Amino acid sequence: MGLGWINPEEYSFNSFLLMERFQIRLMMESGGWRNNKDEWKRTMGVALNANPAVRWYLEHKCPECASVVQEITANAPAVTNAAEIRKAEVYALASVEDFVIHTTPKMMETNCHYIRDWDKERLYEMADFKDKIVLDVGAGSGRLTFAAAVLAREVYASEPVETMREFIRSKSRLGNINNIRVTEALVTSIPYPDNSFDIVMSGHVVGDDWDTEIAELTRVCKSGGWLLDCPGDETHAPYYKQQEKTDKPDELVIRGWEKMSYVGNGGGYVGRYRKQIWKG
């Protein structure tokens, strides 16, 4: 079941030409986010064979994935019917809709419930942003960045996807917002010196490698500063209500973070987390 963020029929297969290396690698290593991996390989192979420019881009943008691209295209059935090719393209686009929507960042603000329904007061409740130097890691379309910029002295938005960085820059320029700085970075490699920020925040970022990621967030945070994990709104109430009651270990809580849950505008439980950093 998809996220419902895009109508894949409205997107060109050339959308893959805007994907970053890390996105291509994740997509190829996992075979998209669909359960039927064999079907994903078949349809992606059909679509790539019909779009040699996209195939070339994936192979050269992410050379470590070139052998996978070559394998799925070599094993794909020969298809020449335009309607069948387009069906394969749509399937491939829908299989990674959370990456495809990055090619149209403006759509995220209206189509992604975690952005659209979120209230910036939920961020302000977590720390005092007034006159602070703030880093937003994995800034995306700027949900946290623009909220923090209302109060902070400066906000640095680090984001690995170029289309998202340009969206933040454009929105800042059009809104005459002068205290936002944008840079390219992954959560595991933040290009700032130790002890640079009063607040280091993220949402929907930490979790692939908990200790490595948290160590990097901690490195750039000043002593006495705050690490914040502030996800967007949530609509899946039954799932999150169940999660609130489970005995499953909470990865951030067991690492000393404070959990600040609330029921979002969409009716689902949202788990926010914060930790004050003290360095000897």
C-alpha atoms as a PDB file:
ATOM      1  CA  MET A   1       0.000   0.000   0.000  1.00  0.00           C
ATOM      2  CA  GLY A   2       1.384   3.376  -1.030  1.00  0.00           C
ATOM      3  CA  LEU A   3       1.702   6.576   0.942  1.00  0.00           C
ATOM      4  CA  GLY A   4      -0.714   8.447  -1.317  1.00  0.00           C
ATOM      5  CA  TRP A   5       1.623  11.404  -1.698  1.00  0.00           C
ATOM      6  CA  ILE A   6       1.712  11.389  -5.501  1.00  0.00           C
ATOM      7  CA  ASN A   7      -0.297  10.295  -8.482  1.00  0.00           C
ATOM      8  CA  PRO A   8       2.498   8.461 -10.324  1.00  0.00           C
ATOM      9  CA  GLU A   9       0.636   8.766 -13.612  1.00  0.00           C
ATOM     10  CA  GLU A  10       1.294  12.517 -13.474  1.00  0.00           C
ATOM     11  CA  TYR A  11       5.081  12.055 -13.253  1.00  0.00           C
ATOM     12  CA  SER A  12       7.561  11.463 -16.036  1.00  0.00           C
ATOM     13  CA  PHE A  13       9.908   8.508 -15.760  1.00  0.00           C
ATOM     14  CA  ASN A  14      12.615  11.139 -16.223  1.00  0.00           C
ATOM     15  CA  SER A  15      12.004  12.015 -12.573  1.00  0.00           C
ATOM     16  CA  PHE A  16      14.692   9.432 -11.831  1.00  0.00           C
ATOM     17  CA  LEU A  17      17.191  11.796 -13.476  1.00  0.00           C
ATOM     18  CA  LEU A  18      16.851  14.071 -10.437  1.00  0.00           C
ATOM     19  CA  MET A  19      17.643  11.388  -7.864  1.00  0.00           C
ATOM     20  CA  GLU A  20      20.778  11.490  -5.751  1.00  0.00           C
ATOM     21  CA  ARG A  21      23.345   8.728  -5.526  1.00  0.00           C
ATOM     22  CA  PHE A  22      22.248   7.608  -2.073  1.00  0.00           C
ATOM     23  CA  GLN A  23      18.621   7.394  -3.222  1.00  0.00           C
ATOM     24  CA  ILE A  24      19.531   5.273  -6.225  1.00  0.00           C
ATOM     25  CA  ARG A  25      21.612   3.004  -4.021  1.00  0.00           C
ATOM     26  CA  LEU A  26      18.801   2.509  -1.506  1.00  0.00           C
ATOM     27  CA  MET A  27      16.293   1.871  -4.287  1.00  0.00           C
ATOM     28  CA  MET A  28      18.468  -0.655  -6.093  1.00  0.00           C
ATOM     29  CA  GLU A  29      19.598  -2.460  -2.953  1.00  0.00           C
ATOM     30  CA  SER A  30      16.036  -2.886  -1.685  1.00  0.00           C
ATOM     31  CA  GLY A  31      14.201  -3.273  -4.995  1.00  0.00           C
ATOM     32  CA  GLY A  32      11.859  -0.406  -4.207  1.00  0.00           C
ATOM     33  CA  TRP A  33       9.500  -0.481  -1.256  1.00  0.00           C
ATOM     34  CA  ARG A  34       7.018  -2.993  -2.736  1.00  0.00           C
ATOM     35  CA  ASN A  35       6.759  -6.491  -1.291  1.00  0.00           C
ATOM     36  CA  ASN A  36       6.945  -8.253  -4.653  1.00  0.00           C
ATOM     37  CA  LYS A  37      10.617  -7.773  -5.501  1.00  0.00           C
ATOM     38  CA  ASP A  38      10.474  -9.964  -8.620  1.00  0.00           C
ATOM     39  CA  GLU A  39       7.694  -7.818 -10.062  1.00  0.00           C
ATOM     40  CA  TRP A  40       9.651  -4.680  -9.234  1.00  0.00           C
ATOM     41  CA  LYS A  41      12.722  -5.991 -11.056  1.00  0.00           C
ATOM     42  CA  ARG A  42      10.627  -6.966 -14.088  1.00  0.00           C
ATOM     43  CA  THR A  43       8.799  -3.651 -14.386  1.00  0.00           C
ATOM     44  CA  MET A  44      11.874  -1.537 -13.646  1.00  0.00           C
ATOM     45  CA  GLY A  45      13.790  -3.505 -16.260  1.00  0.00           C
ATOM     46  CA  VAL A  46      11.068  -2.900 -18.847  1.00  0.00           C
ATOM     47  CA  ALA A  47      10.943   0.813 -18.019  1.00  0.00           C
ATOM     48  CA  LEU A  48      14.726   1.246 -18.113  1.00  0.00           C
ATOM     49  CA  ASN A  49      15.059  -0.557 -21.439  1.00  0.00           C
ATOM     50  CA  ALA A  50      12.514   1.875 -22.863  1.00  0.00           C
ATOM     51  CA  ASN A  51      14.377   4.855 -21.332  1.00  0.00           C
ATOM     52  CA  PRO A  52      18.094   4.420 -22.086  1.00  0.00           C
ATOM     53  CA  ALA A  53      18.963   7.908 -20.801  1.00  0.00           C
ATOM     54  CA  VAL A  54      17.577   7.035 -17.356  1.00  0.00           C
ATOM     55  CA  ARG A  55      19.374   3.692 -17.423  1.00  0.00           C
ATOM     56  CA  TRP A  56      22.667   5.443 -18.274  1.00  0.00           C
ATOM     57  CA  TYR A  57      22.124   7.986 -15.500  1.00  0.00           C
ATOM     58  CA  LEU A  58      21.496   5.348 -12.825  1.00  0.00           C
ATOM     59  CA  GLU A  59      24.575   3.376 -13.868  1.00  0.00           C
ATOM     60  CA  HIS A  60      26.865   6.405 -13.845  1.00  0.00           C
ATOM     61  CA  LYS A  61      25.410   8.414 -10.974  1.00  0.00           C
ATOM     62  CA  CYS A  62      25.620   5.347  -8.731  1.00  0.00           C
ATOM     63  CA  PRO A  63      28.370   3.130 -10.206  1.00  0.00           C
ATOM     64  CA  GLU A  64      28.144   0.651  -7.339  1.00  0.00           C
ATOM     65  CA  CYS A  65      24.638  -0.140  -8.612  1.00  0.00           C
ATOM     66  CA  ALA A  66      25.601  -0.529 -12.275  1.00  0.00           C
ATOM     67  CA  SER A  67      25.692  -4.333 -12.101  1.00  0.00           C
ATOM     68  CA  VAL A  68      22.196  -4.426 -10.604  1.00  0.00           C
ATOM     69  CA  VAL A  69      20.862  -2.140 -13.342  1.00  0.00           C
ATOM     70  CA  GLN A  70      22.496  -4.308 -15.985  1.00  0.00           C
ATOM     71  CA  GLU A  71      21.089  -7.487 -14.463  1.00  0.00           C
ATOM     72  CA  ILE A  72      17.468  -6.340 -14.257  1.00  0.00           C
ATOM     73  CA  THR A  73      17.525  -4.842 -17.765  1.00  0.00           C
ATOM     74  CA  ALA A  74      19.117  -7.977 -19.232  1.00  0.00           C
ATOM     75  CA  ASN A  75      16.479 -10.204 -17.599  1.00  0.00           C
ATOM     76  CA  ALA A  76      13.472  -8.000 -18.421  1.00  0.00           C
ATOM     77  CA  PRO A  77      11.028  -9.201 -21.070  1.00  0.00           C
ATOM     78  CA  ALA A  78      11.064  -7.441 -24.427  1.00  0.00           C
ATOM     79  CA  VAL A  79       8.174  -4.966 -24.460  1.00  0.00           C
ATOM     80  CA  THR A  80       7.443  -2.533 -27.288  1.00  0.00           C
ATOM     81  CA  ASN A  81       3.829  -1.655 -26.605  1.00  0.00           C
ATOM     82  CA  ALA A  82       3.671   1.969 -25.422  1.00  0.00           C
ATOM     83  CA  ALA A  83       0.819   1.339 -22.992  1.00  0.00           C
ATOM     84  CA  GLU A  84       2.648  -1.562 -21.338  1.00  0.00           C
ATOM     85  CA  ILE A  85       5.828   0.480 -21.088  1.00  0.00           C
ATOM     86  CA  ARG A  86       3.973   3.334 -19.436  1.00  0.00           C
ATOM     87  CA  LYS A  87       2.350   0.889 -17.018  1.00  0.00           C
ATOM     88  CA  ALA A  88       5.825  -0.313 -16.021  1.00  0.00           C
ATOM     89  CA  GLU A  89       7.035   3.282 -15.605  1.00  0.00           C
ATOM     90  CA  VAL A  90       4.105   4.136 -13.338  1.00  0.00           C
ATOM     91  CA  TYR A  91       4.703   1.033 -11.219  1.00  0.00           C
ATOM     92  CA  ALA A  92       8.368   1.953 -10.802  1.00  0.00           C
ATOM     93  CA  LEU A  93       7.537   5.555  -9.894  1.00  0.00           C
ATOM     94  CA  ALA A  94       4.921   4.473  -7.347  1.00  0.00           C
ATOM     95  CA  SER A  95       7.354   2.014  -5.763  1.00  0.00           C
ATOM     96  CA  VAL A  96       9.549   4.881  -4.511  1.00  0.00           C
ATOM     97  CA  GLU A  97       7.012   7.687  -4.231  1.00  0.00           C
ATOM     98  CA  ASP A  98       8.768   9.198  -1.204  1.00  0.00           C
ATOM     99  CA  PHE A  99      11.793   9.782  -3.439  1.00  0.00           C
ATOM    100  CA  VAL A 100       9.811  10.821  -6.512  1.00  0.00           C
ATOM    101  CA  ILE A 101       7.946  13.547  -4.635  1.00  0.00           C
ATOM    102  CA  HIS A 102      11.334  15.128  -3.874  1.00  0.00           C
ATOM    103  CA  THR A 103      11.392  16.161  -7.527  1.00  0.00           C
ATOM    104  CA  THR A 104       8.374  18.391  -6.840  1.00  0.00           C
ATOM    105  CA  PRO A 105       9.046  19.796  -3.333  1.00  0.00           C
ATOM    106  CA  LYS A 106       6.103  22.198  -3.402  1.00  0.00           C
ATOM    107  CA  MET A 107       3.768  19.206  -3.624  1.00  0.00           C
ATOM    108  CA  MET A 108       5.125  17.923  -0.319  1.00  0.00           C
ATOM    109  CA  GLU A 109       3.570  20.837   1.567  1.00  0.00           C
ATOM    110  CA  THR A 110       0.095  19.954   0.311  1.00  0.00           C
ATOM    111  CA  ASN A 111       0.278  16.182  -0.235  1.00  0.00           C
ATOM    112  CA  CYS A 112       2.344  14.963   2.729  1.00  0.00           C
ATOM    113  CA  HIS A 113       0.148  14.913   5.821  1.00  0.00           C
ATOM    114  CA  TYR A 114       3.127  15.006   8.193  1.00  0.00           C
ATOM    115  CA  ILE A 115       4.002  18.441   6.791  1.00  0.00           C
ATOM    116  CA  ARG A 116       0.560  19.777   5.885  1.00  0.00           C
ATOM    117  CA  ASP A 117      -1.100  19.043   9.236  1.00  0.00           C
ATOM    118  CA  TRP A 118       1.850  19.810  11.497  1.00  0.00           C
ATOM    119  CA  ASP A 119       1.790  22.730  13.948  1.00  0.00           C
ATOM    120  CA  LYS A 120       5.103  24.561  14.511  1.00  0.00           C
ATOM    121  CA  GLU A 121       4.128  25.127  18.148  1.00  0.00           C
ATOM    122  CA  ARG A 122       5.031  21.462  18.665  1.00  0.00           C
ATOM    123  CA  LEU A 123       8.633  22.401  17.930  1.00  0.00           C
ATOM    124  CA  TYR A 124       8.622  25.520  20.089  1.00  0.00           C
ATOM    125  CA  GLU A 125       7.485  23.432  23.082  1.00  0.00           C
ATOM    126  CA  MET A 126      10.723  21.459  22.970  1.00  0.00           C
ATOM    127  CA  ALA A 127      13.347  24.183  23.474  1.00  0.00           C
ATOM    128  CA  ASP A 128      13.872  27.926  23.586  1.00  0.00           C
ATOM    129  CA  PHE A 129      14.777  28.987  20.036  1.00  0.00           C
ATOM    130  CA  LYS A 130      15.040  32.707  20.671  1.00  0.00           C
ATOM    131  CA  ASP A 131      18.344  34.065  19.307  1.00  0.00           C
ATOM    132  CA  LYS A 132      19.806  30.550  18.993  1.00  0.00           C
ATOM    133  CA  ILE A 133      22.081  29.080  16.312  1.00  0.00           C
ATOM    134  CA  VAL A 134      20.201  26.049  14.989  1.00  0.00           C
ATOM    135  CA  LEU A 135      21.005  23.132  12.683  1.00  0.00           C
ATOM    136  CA  ASP A 136      18.250  21.211  10.897  1.00  0.00           C
ATOM    137  CA  VAL A 137      19.631  17.841   9.755  1.00  0.00           C
ATOM    138  CA  GLY A 138      17.845  16.281   6.786  1.00  0.00           C
ATOM    139  CA  ALA A 139      15.838  19.463   6.353  1.00  0.00           C
ATOM    140  CA  GLY A 140      13.708  18.196   3.464  1.00  0.00           C
ATOM    141  CA  SER A 141      11.366  20.908   2.252  1.00  0.00           C
ATOM    142  CA  GLY A 142      12.075  22.960   5.379  1.00  0.00           C
ATOM    143  CA  ARG A 143       9.264  22.087   7.783  1.00  0.00           C
ATOM    144  CA  LEU A 144      11.477  22.548  10.845  1.00  0.00           C
ATOM    145  CA  THR A 145      13.832  25.059   9.239  1.00  0.00           C
ATOM    146  CA  PHE A 146      11.196  27.692   8.514  1.00  0.00           C
ATOM    147  CA  ALA A 147       9.523  27.199  11.892  1.00  0.00           C
ATOM    148  CA  ALA A 148      12.808  27.707  13.743  1.00  0.00           C
ATOM    149  CA  ALA A 149      13.774  30.704  11.593  1.00  0.00           C
ATOM    150  CA  VAL A 150      10.894  32.717  13.071  1.00  0.00           C
ATOM    151  CA  LEU A 151      12.689  32.819  16.433  1.00  0.00           C
ATOM    152  CA  ALA A 152      16.302  31.774  15.926  1.00  0.00           C
ATOM    153  CA  ARG A 153      19.241  34.010  15.083  1.00  0.00           C
ATOM    154  CA  GLU A 154      20.373  31.659  12.315  1.00  0.00           C
ATOM    155  CA  VAL A 155      19.192  28.300  11.000  1.00  0.00           C
ATOM    156  CA  TYR A 156      21.448  26.027   8.982  1.00  0.00           C
ATOM    157  CA  ALA A 157      19.508  23.570   6.829  1.00  0.00           C
ATOM    158  CA  SER A 158      21.560  20.523   5.845  1.00  0.00           C
ATOM    159  CA  GLU A 159      19.937  18.351   3.184  1.00  0.00           C
ATOM    160  CA  PRO A 160      21.376  15.711   0.809  1.00  0.00           C
ATOM    161  CA  VAL A 161      18.813  16.181  -2.007  1.00  0.00           C
ATOM    162  CA  GLU A 162      19.528  19.057  -4.396  1.00  0.00           C
ATOM    163  CA  THR A 163      15.893  19.728  -5.367  1.00  0.00           C
ATOM    164  CA  MET A 164      15.029  20.182  -1.700  1.00  0.00           C
ATOM    165  CA  ARG A 165      17.962  22.499  -1.062  1.00  0.00           C
ATOM    166  CA  GLU A 166      16.964  24.692  -4.000  1.00  0.00           C
ATOM    167  CA  PHE A 167      13.362  24.727  -2.759  1.00  0.00           C
ATOM    168  CA  ILE A 168      14.448  26.029   0.658  1.00  0.00           C
ATOM    169  CA  ARG A 169      16.657  28.666  -0.949  1.00  0.00           C
ATOM    170  CA  SER A 170      13.857  29.788  -3.270  1.00  0.00           C
ATOM    171  CA  LYS A 171      11.241  29.887  -0.511  1.00  0.00           C
ATOM    172  CA  SER A 172      13.614  31.868   1.723  1.00  0.00           C
ATOM    173  CA  ARG A 173      14.293  34.356  -1.057  1.00  0.00           C
ATOM    174  CA  LEU A 174      10.625  34.787  -1.966  1.00  0.00           C
ATOM    175  CA  GLY A 175       9.688  35.174   1.690  1.00  0.00           C
ATOM    176  CA  ASN A 176      12.521  37.614   2.375  1.00  0.00           C
ATOM    177  CA  ILE A 177      13.830  35.290   5.093  1.00  0.00           C
ATOM    178  CA  ASN A 178      17.473  36.163   5.619  1.00  0.00           C
ATOM    179  CA  ASN A 179      18.565  33.941   8.498  1.00  0.00           C
ATOM    180  CA  ILE A 180      18.549  30.555   6.721  1.00  0.00           C
ATOM    181  CA  ARG A 181      21.717  28.969   5.334  1.00  0.00           C
ATOM    182  CA  VAL A 182      21.518  25.819   3.198  1.00  0.00           C
ATOM    183  CA  THR A 183      24.182  23.151   2.773  1.00  0.00           C
ATOM    184  CA  GLU A 184      24.561  19.628   1.403  1.00  0.00           C
ATOM    185  CA  ALA A 185      25.083  16.890   4.003  1.00  0.00           C
ATOM    186  CA  LEU A 186      24.087  13.478   5.270  1.00  0.00           C
ATOM    187  CA  VAL A 187      23.321  12.901   8.944  1.00  0.00           C
ATOM    188  CA  THR A 188      26.463  10.772   9.261  1.00  0.00           C
ATOM    189  CA  SER A 189      28.754  13.497   7.878  1.00  0.00           C
ATOM    190  CA  ILE A 190      27.820  17.016   8.979  1.00  0.00           C
ATOM    191  CA  PRO A 191      30.248  19.617   7.534  1.00  0.00           C
ATOM    192  CA  TYR A 192      30.544  21.822  10.622  1.00  0.00           C
ATOM    193  CA  PRO A 193      33.084  21.993  13.457  1.00  0.00           C
ATOM    194  CA  ASP A 194      32.504  20.539  16.911  1.00  0.00           C
ATOM    195  CA  ASN A 195      30.281  22.544  19.273  1.00  0.00           C
ATOM    196  CA  SER A 196      28.783  24.798  16.580  1.00  0.00           C
ATOM    197  CA  PHE A 197      25.073  24.848  17.427  1.00  0.00           C
ATOM    198  CA  ASP A 198      22.773  25.609  20.350  1.00  0.00           C
ATOM    199  CA  ILE A 199      20.083  23.306  18.939  1.00  0.00           C
ATOM    200  CA  VAL A 200      20.506  20.363  16.559  1.00  0.00           C
ATOM    201  CA  MET A 201      17.164  19.086  15.306  1.00  0.00           C
ATOM    202  CA  SER A 202      15.795  16.554  12.853  1.00  0.00           C
ATOM    203  CA  GLY A 203      12.629  14.706  11.991  1.00  0.00           C
ATOM    204  CA  HIS A 204      12.235  11.415  10.090  1.00  0.00           C
ATOM    205  CA  VAL A 205      16.029  11.129   9.793  1.00  0.00           C
ATOM    206  CA  VAL A 206      17.653   9.228  12.678  1.00  0.00           C
ATOM    207  CA  GLY A 207      17.228   5.466  12.799  1.00  0.00           C
ATOM    208  CA  ASP A 208      19.341   3.721  10.175  1.00  0.00           C
ATOM    209  CA  ASP A 209      22.424   3.680  12.410  1.00  0.00           C
ATOM    210  CA  TRP A 210      21.370   5.028  15.794  1.00  0.00           C
ATOM    211  CA  ASP A 211      24.713   5.375  17.547  1.00  0.00           C
ATOM    212  CA  THR A 212      26.681   6.718  14.575  1.00  0.00           C
ATOM    213  CA  GLU A 213      24.007   9.276  13.729  1.00  0.00           C
ATOM    214  CA  ILE A 214      23.497  10.430  17.317  1.00  0.00           C
ATOM    215  CA  ALA A 215      27.260  10.733  17.810  1.00  0.00           C
ATOM    216  CA  GLU A 216      27.470  13.069  14.814  1.00  0.00           C
ATOM    217  CA  LEU A 217      24.548  15.179  16.053  1.00  0.00           C
ATOM    218  CA  THR A 218      26.168  15.362  19.475  1.00  0.00           C
ATOM    219  CA  ARG A 219      29.545  16.356  18.020  1.00  0.00           C
ATOM    220  CA  VAL A 220      28.236  19.573  16.475  1.00  0.00           C
ATOM    221  CA  CYS A 221      26.027  20.487  19.456  1.00  0.00           C
ATOM    222  CA  LYS A 222      27.343  22.863  22.111  1.00  0.00           C
ATOM    223  CA  SER A 223      27.543  21.790  25.728  1.00  0.00           C
ATOM    224  CA  GLY A 224      24.241  22.737  27.331  1.00  0.00           C
ATOM    225  CA  GLY A 225      22.530  22.630  23.945  1.00  0.00           C
ATOM    226  CA  TRP A 226      19.697  20.409  22.793  1.00  0.00           C
ATOM    227  CA  LEU A 227      19.232  17.536  20.387  1.00  0.00           C
ATOM    228  CA  LEU A 228      15.647  17.407  19.150  1.00  0.00           C
ATOM    229  CA  ASP A 229      13.847  14.712  17.183  1.00  0.00           C
ATOM    230  CA  CYS A 230      10.577  16.243  16.016  1.00  0.00           C
ATOM    231  CA  PRO A 231       8.583  14.184  13.484  1.00  0.00           C
ATOM    232  CA  GLY A 232       5.643  15.624  11.613  1.00  0.00           C
ATOM    233  CA  ASP A 233       1.964  14.955  12.157  1.00  0.00           C
ATOM    234  CA  GLU A 234       0.493  11.471  12.047  1.00  0.00           C
ATOM    235  CA  THR A 235      -2.836  10.127  10.848  1.00  0.00           C
ATOM    236  CA  HIS A 236      -2.500   6.426  11.664  1.00  0.00           C
ATOM    237  CA  ALA A 237      -4.003   6.586  15.140  1.00  0.00           C
ATOM    238  CA  PRO A 238      -4.573   2.860  15.791  1.00  0.00           C
ATOM    239  CA  TYR A 239      -0.957   1.968  14.990  1.00  0.00           C
ATOM    240  CA  TYR A 240       0.491   4.691  17.158  1.00  0.00           C
ATOM    241  CA  LYS A 241      -1.889   4.010  20.009  1.00  0.00           C
ATOM    242  CA  GLN A 242      -0.653   0.439  19.915  1.00  0.00           C
ATOM    243  CA  GLN A 243       2.944   1.640  19.851  1.00  0.00           C
ATOM    244  CA  GLU A 244       2.343   3.794  22.918  1.00  0.00           C
ATOM    245  CA  LYS A 245       1.338   0.708  24.870  1.00  0.00           C
ATOM    246  CA  THR A 246       3.981  -1.701  23.614  1.00  0.00           C
ATOM    247  CA  ASP A 247       6.903  -3.000  25.646  1.00  0.00           C
ATOM    248  CA  LYS A 248       9.192  -2.754  22.617  1.00  0.00           C
ATOM    249  CA  PRO A 249      12.356  -0.799  23.559  1.00  0.00           C
ATOM    250  CA  ASP A 250      12.357   2.819  22.474  1.00  0.00           C
ATOM    251  CA  GLU A 251      15.737   3.369  20.849  1.00  0.00           C
ATOM    252  CA  LEU A 252      16.044   7.032  21.824  1.00  0.00           C
ATOM    253  CA  VAL A 253      14.684   6.622  25.350  1.00  0.00           C
ATOM    254  CA  ILE A 254      17.161   3.872  26.150  1.00  0.00           C
ATOM    255  CA  ARG A 255      19.882   6.270  24.970  1.00  0.00           C
ATOM    256  CA  GLY A 256      18.821   8.893  27.492  1.00  0.00           C
ATOM    257  CA  TRP A 257      16.373  10.994  25.450  1.00  0.00           C
ATOM    258  CA  GLU A 258      13.155  12.365  26.931  1.00  0.00           C
ATOM    259  CA  LYS A 259       9.973  11.362  25.090  1.00  0.00           C
ATOM    260  CA  MET A 260       7.299  14.028  24.610  1.00  0.00           C
ATOM    261  CA  SER A 261       4.283  12.372  22.967  1.00  0.00           C
ATOM    262  CA  TYR A 262       1.103  14.053  21.799  1.00  0.00           C
ATOM    263  CA  VAL A 263      -1.922  13.340  19.644  1.00  0.00           C
ATOM    264  CA  GLY A 264      -1.476  15.099  16.329  1.00  0.00           C
ATOM    265  CA  ASN A 265      -4.019  16.966  14.234  1.00  0.00           C
ATOM    266  CA  GLY A 266      -4.444  13.824  12.148  1.00  0.00           C
ATOM    267  CA  GLY A 267      -5.452  11.776  15.200  1.00  0.00           C
ATOM    268  CA  GLY A 268      -2.257   9.726  15.544  1.00  0.00           C
ATOM    269  CA  TYR A 269       0.232   9.606  18.394  1.00  0.00           C
ATOM    270  CA  VAL A 270       3.464  11.434  17.611  1.00  0.00           C
ATOM    271  CA  GLY A 271       6.613  10.726  19.585  1.00  0.00           C
ATOM    272  CA  ARG A 272       8.941  13.701  19.961  1.00  0.00           C
ATOM    273  CA  TYR A 273      12.284  13.349  21.709  1.00  0.00           C
ATOM    274  CA  ARG A 274      14.874  15.662  23.196  1.00  0.00           C
ATOM    275  CA  LYS A 275      18.160  15.402  25.023  1.00  0.00           C
ATOM    276  CA  GLN A 276      20.278  18.119  26.596  1.00  0.00           C
ATOM    277  CA  ILE A 277      23.955  17.672  25.891  1.00  0.00           C
ATOM    278  CA  TRP A 278      26.622  18.222  28.490  1.00  0.00           C
ATOM    279  CA  LYS A 279      30.273  17.878  27.601  1.00  0.00           C
ATOM    280  CA  GLY A 280      33.138  17.695  30.054  1.00  0.00           C
END
